[in-house]
Amino acid sequence: MRQGLERILVERVEGPRPLRFQTAIGERLPLHIGASGLVLCAGMGEEELASYVADLAPVRLADGAVETPEHLMERIAAVRREGYAIGVGERLEGMSSVAAGVDTKDKGIIAAINIAGPSMRMDAAKLEGLSIELRGAARELADAYGHARY
């Protein structure tokens, strides 16, 4: 969930495999790095997003790529169009994730849900397929709150 200009992990479901990505409950992470963060950025209003991104310096991701504010805005625009985000090697080298937003009609995107794991098991086709499942799960969560946008 977004908290100010950070995101915080509030729940985690462990995968069955021993090699997995694990973020601690309560850990605070930047909004602009990782699939979940991109989804939460996509839920920000235009002025707030522009202000947030304007204050960012280019950052070197775990895979060595440099994320510029301009590229970040392009990725956020794609999330808004497609309804999900994919991250590969952003926070940790060799890790991939796909995320979708819990989008409500009253409050917009209130949370992001994601699946993360080793990139060797999560190629582009797998991530695209998982995005369909995640978007469905995100709609179910919004429905559970009685505020689905759809």
N, C-alpha and C. Protein backbone atom coordinates (compact mmCIF):
# COMPACT_ATOMS: atom_id res chain seq x y z
N MET A 1 0.85 -1.17 0.00
CA MET A 1 0.00 0.00 0.00
C MET A 1 0.89 1.24 0.00
N ARG A 2 0.35 2.28 -0.57
CA ARG A 2 1.09 3.53 -0.59
C ARG A 2 0.93 4.23 0.76
N GLN A 3 2.04 4.75 1.24
CA GLN A 3 2.03 5.56 2.45
C GLN A 3 2.92 6.77 2.18
N GLY A 4 2.27 7.90 1.92
CA GLY A 4 3.03 9.08 1.54
C GLY A 4 3.70 8.85 0.20
N LEU A 5 4.99 9.06 0.15
CA LEU A 5 5.75 8.85 -1.08
C LEU A 5 6.58 7.58 -1.03
N GLU A 6 6.10 6.63 -0.24
CA GLU A 6 6.72 5.30 -0.15
C GLU A 6 5.62 4.26 -0.28
N ARG A 7 6.03 3.03 -0.41
CA ARG A 7 5.09 1.92 -0.35
C ARG A 7 5.51 1.01 0.79
N ILE A 8 4.53 0.35 1.36
CA ILE A 8 4.81 -0.51 2.50
C ILE A 8 4.12 -1.85 2.26
N LEU A 9 4.84 -2.92 2.53
CA LEU A 9 4.29 -4.26 2.38
C LEU A 9 3.42 -4.58 3.60
N VAL A 10 2.16 -4.93 3.35
CA VAL A 10 1.24 -5.20 4.46
C VAL A 10 0.84 -6.67 4.54
N GLU A 11 1.06 -7.44 3.49
CA GLU A 11 0.68 -8.85 3.50
C GLU A 11 1.56 -9.59 2.51
N ARG A 12 1.83 -10.88 2.81
CA ARG A 12 2.64 -11.69 1.92
C ARG A 12 2.14 -13.13 1.98
N VAL A 13 2.08 -13.77 0.84
CA VAL A 13 1.75 -15.19 0.76
C VAL A 13 3.00 -15.88 0.22
N GLU A 14 3.50 -16.84 0.96
CA GLU A 14 4.72 -17.54 0.56
C GLU A 14 4.47 -18.52 -0.57
N GLY A 15 5.39 -18.57 -1.51
CA GLY A 15 5.33 -19.56 -2.57
C GLY A 15 5.85 -20.90 -2.07
N PRO A 16 5.56 -21.98 -2.79
CA PRO A 16 5.96 -23.32 -2.34
C PRO A 16 7.42 -23.68 -2.61
N ARG A 17 8.08 -22.94 -3.47
CA ARG A 17 9.45 -23.28 -3.84
C ARG A 17 10.45 -22.66 -2.87
N PRO A 18 11.57 -23.34 -2.65
CA PRO A 18 12.55 -22.81 -1.69
C PRO A 18 13.25 -21.54 -2.17
N LEU A 19 13.45 -21.39 -3.49
CA LEU A 19 14.08 -20.20 -4.02
C LEU A 19 12.97 -19.21 -4.36
N ARG A 20 12.87 -18.13 -3.57
CA ARG A 20 11.80 -17.17 -3.78
C ARG A 20 12.23 -15.80 -3.30
N PHE A 21 11.47 -14.82 -3.74
CA PHE A 21 11.70 -13.43 -3.36
C PHE A 21 10.91 -13.16 -2.09
N GLN A 22 11.54 -12.54 -1.12
CA GLN A 22 10.86 -12.32 0.15
C GLN A 22 11.16 -10.92 0.68
N THR A 23 10.11 -10.12 0.78
CA THR A 23 10.21 -8.79 1.37
C THR A 23 9.55 -8.85 2.74
N ALA A 24 10.13 -8.21 3.72
CA ALA A 24 9.60 -8.25 5.08
C ALA A 24 8.32 -7.43 5.20
N ILE A 25 7.35 -7.96 5.93
CA ILE A 25 6.13 -7.21 6.23
C ILE A 25 6.55 -5.91 6.94
N GLY A 26 5.96 -4.82 6.51
CA GLY A 26 6.28 -3.52 7.10
C GLY A 26 7.44 -2.80 6.43
N GLU A 27 8.14 -3.49 5.53
CA GLU A 27 9.27 -2.84 4.86
C GLU A 27 8.78 -1.70 3.98
N ARG A 28 9.48 -0.58 4.05
CA ARG A 28 9.16 0.59 3.24
C ARG A 28 10.08 0.61 2.03
N LEU A 29 9.49 0.86 0.87
CA LEU A 29 10.23 0.86 -0.38
C LEU A 29 9.87 2.10 -1.18
N PRO A 30 10.75 2.53 -2.08
CA PRO A 30 10.43 3.69 -2.90
C PRO A 30 9.31 3.36 -3.88
N LEU A 31 8.55 4.37 -4.25
CA LEU A 31 7.47 4.17 -5.21
C LEU A 31 7.98 3.94 -6.63
N HIS A 32 9.10 4.51 -6.98
CA HIS A 32 9.53 4.53 -8.37
C HIS A 32 10.39 3.34 -8.81
N ILE A 33 10.56 2.36 -7.95
CA ILE A 33 11.35 1.19 -8.32
C ILE A 33 10.53 -0.06 -8.05
N GLY A 34 10.33 -0.87 -9.08
CA GLY A 34 9.58 -2.10 -8.93
C GLY A 34 8.17 -1.99 -9.47
N ALA A 35 7.61 -3.14 -9.85
CA ALA A 35 6.29 -3.18 -10.47
C ALA A 35 5.20 -2.63 -9.56
N SER A 36 5.21 -3.00 -8.30
CA SER A 36 4.17 -2.50 -7.39
C SER A 36 4.24 -0.99 -7.25
N GLY A 37 5.44 -0.46 -7.16
CA GLY A 37 5.60 0.98 -7.06
C GLY A 37 5.08 1.70 -8.28
N LEU A 38 5.33 1.14 -9.46
CA LEU A 38 4.83 1.76 -10.69
C LEU A 38 3.31 1.80 -10.71
N VAL A 39 2.69 0.72 -10.24
CA VAL A 39 1.22 0.67 -10.18
C VAL A 39 0.71 1.75 -9.23
N LEU A 40 1.36 1.90 -8.09
CA LEU A 40 0.92 2.91 -7.13
C LEU A 40 1.17 4.32 -7.68
N CYS A 41 2.26 4.52 -8.39
CA CYS A 41 2.51 5.82 -9.05
C CYS A 41 1.41 6.11 -10.07
N ALA A 42 0.99 5.08 -10.80
CA ALA A 42 -0.04 5.26 -11.81
C ALA A 42 -1.36 5.73 -11.19
N GLY A 43 -1.55 5.45 -9.92
CA GLY A 43 -2.76 5.87 -9.24
C GLY A 43 -2.69 7.28 -8.67
N MET A 44 -1.55 7.92 -8.79
CA MET A 44 -1.41 9.29 -8.28
C MET A 44 -2.06 10.28 -9.24
N GLY A 45 -2.51 11.41 -8.72
CA GLY A 45 -3.01 12.48 -9.56
C GLY A 45 -1.88 13.09 -10.36
N GLU A 46 -2.23 13.76 -11.45
CA GLU A 46 -1.21 14.31 -12.35
C GLU A 46 -0.25 15.28 -11.67
N GLU A 47 -0.77 16.21 -10.88
CA GLU A 47 0.09 17.19 -10.22
C GLU A 47 1.02 16.53 -9.21
N GLU A 48 0.46 15.63 -8.40
CA GLU A 48 1.27 14.96 -7.38
C GLU A 48 2.35 14.11 -8.05
N LEU A 49 2.00 13.40 -9.11
CA LEU A 49 2.97 12.57 -9.82
C LEU A 49 4.07 13.44 -10.43
N ALA A 50 3.69 14.51 -11.09
CA ALA A 50 4.69 15.39 -11.71
C ALA A 50 5.64 15.96 -10.66
N SER A 51 5.12 16.34 -9.52
CA SER A 51 5.96 16.88 -8.43
C SER A 51 6.90 15.80 -7.90
N TYR A 52 6.38 14.59 -7.70
CA TYR A 52 7.20 13.49 -7.20
C TYR A 52 8.34 13.17 -8.17
N VAL A 53 8.01 13.02 -9.45
CA VAL A 53 9.01 12.65 -10.44
C VAL A 53 10.02 13.77 -10.66
N ALA A 54 9.57 15.02 -10.58
CA ALA A 54 10.48 16.15 -10.79
C ALA A 54 11.60 16.17 -9.75
N ASP A 55 11.34 15.63 -8.57
CA ASP A 55 12.34 15.62 -7.50
C ASP A 55 13.29 14.42 -7.56
N LEU A 56 13.05 13.51 -8.51
CA LEU A 56 13.87 12.30 -8.60
C LEU A 56 15.10 12.53 -9.46
N ALA A 57 16.20 11.98 -9.02
CA ALA A 57 17.41 11.94 -9.84
C ALA A 57 17.44 10.59 -10.55
N PRO A 58 18.15 10.48 -11.67
CA PRO A 58 18.29 9.15 -12.28
C PRO A 58 18.86 8.17 -11.25
N VAL A 59 18.37 6.94 -11.29
CA VAL A 59 18.80 5.94 -10.31
C VAL A 59 19.27 4.68 -11.05
N ARG A 60 20.35 4.10 -10.56
CA ARG A 60 20.86 2.85 -11.15
C ARG A 60 20.11 1.69 -10.50
N LEU A 61 19.48 0.89 -11.35
CA LEU A 61 18.73 -0.27 -10.88
C LEU A 61 19.69 -1.43 -10.61
N ALA A 62 19.19 -2.47 -9.98
CA ALA A 62 20.03 -3.61 -9.62
C ALA A 62 20.68 -4.27 -10.82
N ASP A 63 19.98 -4.26 -11.97
CA ASP A 63 20.55 -4.88 -13.17
C ASP A 63 21.54 -3.99 -13.91
N GLY A 64 21.78 -2.77 -13.37
CA GLY A 64 22.73 -1.85 -13.97
C GLY A 64 22.11 -0.79 -14.86
N ALA A 65 20.86 -0.98 -15.24
CA ALA A 65 20.18 0.03 -16.07
C ALA A 65 19.96 1.30 -15.25
N VAL A 66 19.87 2.42 -15.94
CA VAL A 66 19.60 3.68 -15.27
C VAL A 66 18.16 4.09 -15.58
N GLU A 67 17.39 4.32 -14.53
CA GLU A 67 16.01 4.77 -14.66
C GLU A 67 16.00 6.28 -14.54
N THR A 68 15.60 6.95 -15.63
CA THR A 68 15.51 8.41 -15.62
C THR A 68 14.07 8.81 -15.32
N PRO A 69 13.86 10.03 -14.85
CA PRO A 69 12.49 10.49 -14.63
C PRO A 69 11.64 10.41 -15.90
N GLU A 70 12.23 10.70 -17.05
CA GLU A 70 11.49 10.65 -18.31
C GLU A 70 11.03 9.22 -18.63
N HIS A 71 11.93 8.27 -18.46
CA HIS A 71 11.58 6.87 -18.72
C HIS A 71 10.55 6.39 -17.71
N LEU A 72 10.68 6.82 -16.49
CA LEU A 72 9.71 6.46 -15.46
C LEU A 72 8.31 6.93 -15.86
N MET A 73 8.19 8.15 -16.35
CA MET A 73 6.89 8.67 -16.77
C MET A 73 6.32 7.86 -17.94
N GLU A 74 7.18 7.42 -18.85
CA GLU A 74 6.74 6.56 -19.95
C GLU A 74 6.20 5.24 -19.42
N ARG A 75 6.90 4.66 -18.45
CA ARG A 75 6.45 3.38 -17.87
C ARG A 75 5.13 3.55 -17.12
N ILE A 76 4.97 4.66 -16.41
CA ILE A 76 3.73 4.90 -15.68
C ILE A 76 2.57 5.08 -16.66
N ALA A 77 2.80 5.76 -17.76
CA ALA A 77 1.77 5.91 -18.79
C ALA A 77 1.36 4.54 -19.33
N ALA A 78 2.32 3.65 -19.52
CA ALA A 78 2.02 2.29 -19.99
C ALA A 78 1.18 1.53 -18.95
N VAL A 79 1.50 1.70 -17.68
CA VAL A 79 0.71 1.04 -16.63
C VAL A 79 -0.73 1.55 -16.66
N ARG A 80 -0.90 2.83 -16.85
CA ARG A 80 -2.25 3.39 -16.92
C ARG A 80 -3.02 2.83 -18.11
N ARG A 81 -2.36 2.59 -19.23
CA ARG A 81 -3.01 2.04 -20.42
C ARG A 81 -3.32 0.56 -20.26
N GLU A 82 -2.34 -0.19 -19.72
CA GLU A 82 -2.42 -1.65 -19.71
C GLU A 82 -2.99 -2.23 -18.43
N GLY A 83 -2.93 -1.50 -17.33
CA GLY A 83 -3.50 -1.98 -16.08
C GLY A 83 -2.58 -2.85 -15.25
N TYR A 84 -1.31 -2.93 -15.63
CA TYR A 84 -0.35 -3.71 -14.85
C TYR A 84 1.06 -3.22 -15.16
N ALA A 85 2.00 -3.66 -14.31
CA ALA A 85 3.41 -3.30 -14.50
C ALA A 85 4.27 -4.55 -14.37
N ILE A 86 5.36 -4.54 -15.09
CA ILE A 86 6.36 -5.62 -14.99
C ILE A 86 7.68 -4.99 -14.61
N GLY A 87 8.39 -5.63 -13.69
CA GLY A 87 9.72 -5.20 -13.30
C GLY A 87 10.68 -6.36 -13.38
N VAL A 88 11.82 -6.14 -14.01
CA VAL A 88 12.84 -7.19 -14.14
C VAL A 88 14.17 -6.61 -13.68
N GLY A 89 14.73 -7.19 -12.63
CA GLY A 89 16.05 -6.78 -12.16
C GLY A 89 16.11 -5.36 -11.64
N GLU A 90 15.02 -4.85 -11.12
CA GLU A 90 15.02 -3.46 -10.66
C GLU A 90 15.57 -3.31 -9.25
N ARG A 91 14.97 -4.01 -8.30
CA ARG A 91 15.45 -3.89 -6.92
C ARG A 91 16.53 -4.92 -6.61
N LEU A 92 16.39 -6.11 -7.17
CA LEU A 92 17.37 -7.18 -6.98
C LEU A 92 17.67 -7.83 -8.32
N GLU A 93 18.94 -7.99 -8.63
CA GLU A 93 19.32 -8.64 -9.87
C GLU A 93 18.82 -10.08 -9.86
N GLY A 94 18.26 -10.50 -10.98
CA GLY A 94 17.78 -11.87 -11.09
C GLY A 94 16.36 -12.08 -10.59
N MET A 95 15.69 -11.01 -10.20
CA MET A 95 14.31 -11.12 -9.71
C MET A 95 13.38 -10.36 -10.65
N SER A 96 12.20 -10.92 -10.85
CA SER A 96 11.18 -10.30 -11.70
C SER A 96 9.87 -10.24 -10.94
N SER A 97 9.03 -9.29 -11.34
CA SER A 97 7.71 -9.18 -10.71
C SER A 97 6.71 -8.60 -11.68
N VAL A 98 5.46 -8.87 -11.41
CA VAL A 98 4.35 -8.30 -12.15
C VAL A 98 3.33 -7.85 -11.10
N ALA A 99 2.72 -6.69 -11.31
CA ALA A 99 1.80 -6.12 -10.31
C ALA A 99 0.59 -5.51 -11.00
N ALA A 100 -0.52 -5.49 -10.27
CA ALA A 100 -1.75 -4.83 -10.72
C ALA A 100 -2.31 -4.04 -9.55
N GLY A 101 -3.09 -3.02 -9.86
CA GLY A 101 -3.65 -2.17 -8.82
C GLY A 101 -5.05 -2.58 -8.41
N VAL A 102 -5.33 -2.41 -7.13
CA VAL A 102 -6.68 -2.58 -6.61
C VAL A 102 -7.34 -1.22 -6.80
N ASP A 103 -8.13 -1.11 -7.85
CA ASP A 103 -8.65 0.16 -8.33
C ASP A 103 -10.11 0.33 -7.92
N THR A 104 -10.38 1.33 -7.10
CA THR A 104 -11.73 1.56 -6.60
C THR A 104 -12.30 2.84 -7.20
N LYS A 105 -13.62 2.90 -7.32
CA LYS A 105 -14.23 4.09 -7.91
C LYS A 105 -14.17 5.28 -6.96
N ASP A 106 -14.14 5.04 -5.66
CA ASP A 106 -14.12 6.13 -4.68
C ASP A 106 -12.74 6.71 -4.44
N LYS A 107 -11.74 5.83 -4.36
CA LYS A 107 -10.40 6.28 -3.96
C LYS A 107 -9.33 6.00 -5.00
N GLY A 108 -9.68 5.44 -6.14
CA GLY A 108 -8.67 5.09 -7.14
C GLY A 108 -7.88 3.87 -6.70
N ILE A 109 -6.61 3.83 -7.03
CA ILE A 109 -5.78 2.67 -6.70
C ILE A 109 -5.39 2.76 -5.23
N ILE A 110 -5.90 1.83 -4.44
CA ILE A 110 -5.65 1.84 -3.00
C ILE A 110 -4.52 0.89 -2.59
N ALA A 111 -4.15 -0.02 -3.48
CA ALA A 111 -3.10 -0.98 -3.17
C ALA A 111 -2.63 -1.63 -4.47
N ALA A 112 -1.50 -2.29 -4.39
CA ALA A 112 -0.98 -3.07 -5.51
C ALA A 112 -0.78 -4.49 -5.02
N ILE A 113 -1.06 -5.44 -5.88
CA ILE A 113 -0.74 -6.83 -5.57
C ILE A 113 0.27 -7.30 -6.61
N ASN A 114 1.17 -8.17 -6.20
CA ASN A 114 2.17 -8.61 -7.17
C ASN A 114 2.57 -10.05 -6.94
N ILE A 115 3.23 -10.58 -7.95
CA ILE A 115 3.88 -11.88 -7.88
C ILE A 115 5.33 -11.62 -8.23
N ALA A 116 6.22 -12.09 -7.41
CA ALA A 116 7.66 -11.89 -7.63
C ALA A 116 8.39 -13.21 -7.48
N GLY A 117 9.45 -13.36 -8.25
CA GLY A 117 10.25 -14.57 -8.15
C GLY A 117 11.48 -14.48 -9.03
N PRO A 118 12.26 -15.54 -9.04
CA PRO A 118 13.49 -15.56 -9.83
C PRO A 118 13.19 -15.39 -11.33
N SER A 119 13.96 -14.55 -11.98
CA SER A 119 13.77 -14.30 -13.41
C SER A 119 13.91 -15.57 -14.24
N MET A 120 14.72 -16.51 -13.77
CA MET A 120 14.90 -17.75 -14.55
C MET A 120 13.60 -18.55 -14.65
N ARG A 121 12.64 -18.30 -13.75
CA ARG A 121 11.34 -18.97 -13.81
C ARG A 121 10.24 -18.05 -14.34
N MET A 122 10.56 -16.78 -14.52
CA MET A 122 9.53 -15.81 -14.89
C MET A 122 9.96 -15.02 -16.12
N ASP A 123 9.88 -15.66 -17.29
CA ASP A 123 10.24 -14.96 -18.52
C ASP A 123 9.08 -14.04 -18.93
N ALA A 124 9.26 -13.32 -20.03
CA ALA A 124 8.27 -12.33 -20.46
C ALA A 124 6.89 -12.95 -20.68
N ALA A 125 6.83 -14.12 -21.30
CA ALA A 125 5.54 -14.76 -21.55
C ALA A 125 4.85 -15.13 -20.24
N LYS A 126 5.60 -15.64 -19.30
CA LYS A 126 5.03 -16.01 -17.99
C LYS A 126 4.51 -14.76 -17.28
N LEU A 127 5.29 -13.68 -17.29
CA LEU A 127 4.87 -12.45 -16.63
C LEU A 127 3.59 -11.90 -17.26
N GLU A 128 3.50 -11.93 -18.58
CA GLU A 128 2.28 -11.46 -19.28
C GLU A 128 1.08 -12.31 -18.86
N GLY A 129 1.26 -13.63 -18.81
CA GLY A 129 0.17 -14.51 -18.39
C GLY A 129 -0.26 -14.26 -16.96
N LEU A 130 0.70 -14.07 -16.09
CA LEU A 130 0.39 -13.78 -14.68
C LEU A 130 -0.33 -12.46 -14.52
N SER A 131 -0.06 -11.51 -15.44
CA SER A 131 -0.73 -10.21 -15.34
C SER A 131 -2.24 -10.36 -15.48
N ILE A 132 -2.69 -11.31 -16.28
CA ILE A 132 -4.12 -11.54 -16.45
C ILE A 132 -4.73 -12.02 -15.13
N GLU A 133 -4.07 -12.98 -14.50
CA GLU A 133 -4.54 -13.50 -13.21
C GLU A 133 -4.53 -12.41 -12.14
N LEU A 134 -3.47 -11.62 -12.11
CA LEU A 134 -3.36 -10.56 -11.11
C LEU A 134 -4.43 -9.49 -11.28
N ARG A 135 -4.70 -9.11 -12.51
CA ARG A 135 -5.74 -8.11 -12.73
C ARG A 135 -7.10 -8.63 -12.27
N GLY A 136 -7.35 -9.91 -12.48
CA GLY A 136 -8.60 -10.51 -11.99
C GLY A 136 -8.64 -10.51 -10.47
N ALA A 137 -7.53 -10.87 -9.85
CA ALA A 137 -7.47 -10.88 -8.38
C ALA A 137 -7.63 -9.47 -7.82
N ALA A 138 -7.04 -8.49 -8.49
CA ALA A 138 -7.16 -7.10 -8.03
C ALA A 138 -8.62 -6.64 -8.11
N ARG A 139 -9.33 -7.04 -9.16
CA ARG A 139 -10.76 -6.69 -9.27
C ARG A 139 -11.56 -7.35 -8.16
N GLU A 140 -11.22 -8.60 -7.84
CA GLU A 140 -11.91 -9.30 -6.75
C GLU A 140 -11.69 -8.59 -5.42
N LEU A 141 -10.48 -8.12 -5.19
CA LEU A 141 -10.21 -7.38 -3.96
C LEU A 141 -11.01 -6.08 -3.91
N ALA A 142 -11.07 -5.38 -5.03
CA ALA A 142 -11.86 -4.15 -5.07
C ALA A 142 -13.34 -4.48 -4.83
N ASP A 143 -13.82 -5.58 -5.42
CA ASP A 143 -15.21 -6.01 -5.20
C ASP A 143 -15.46 -6.33 -3.73
N ALA A 144 -14.47 -6.96 -3.08
CA ALA A 144 -14.61 -7.32 -1.67
C ALA A 144 -14.80 -6.09 -0.79
N TYR A 145 -14.21 -4.99 -1.22
CA TYR A 145 -14.38 -3.75 -0.50
C TYR A 145 -15.67 -3.04 -0.91
N GLY A 146 -16.35 -3.60 -1.93
CA GLY A 146 -17.60 -3.02 -2.40
C GLY A 146 -17.43 -1.75 -3.18
N HIS A 147 -16.23 -1.54 -3.70
CA HIS A 147 -15.97 -0.27 -4.38
C HIS A 147 -15.27 -0.47 -5.73
N ALA A 148 -15.53 -1.56 -6.39
CA ALA A 148 -14.83 -1.79 -7.66
C ALA A 148 -15.16 -0.71 -8.66
N ARG A 149 -14.15 -0.28 -9.39
CA ARG A 149 -14.33 0.75 -10.42
C ARG A 149 -15.02 0.14 -11.65
N TYR A 150 -14.88 -1.15 -11.85
CA TYR A 150 -15.37 -1.80 -13.09
C TYR A 150 -16.81 -2.21 -12.98
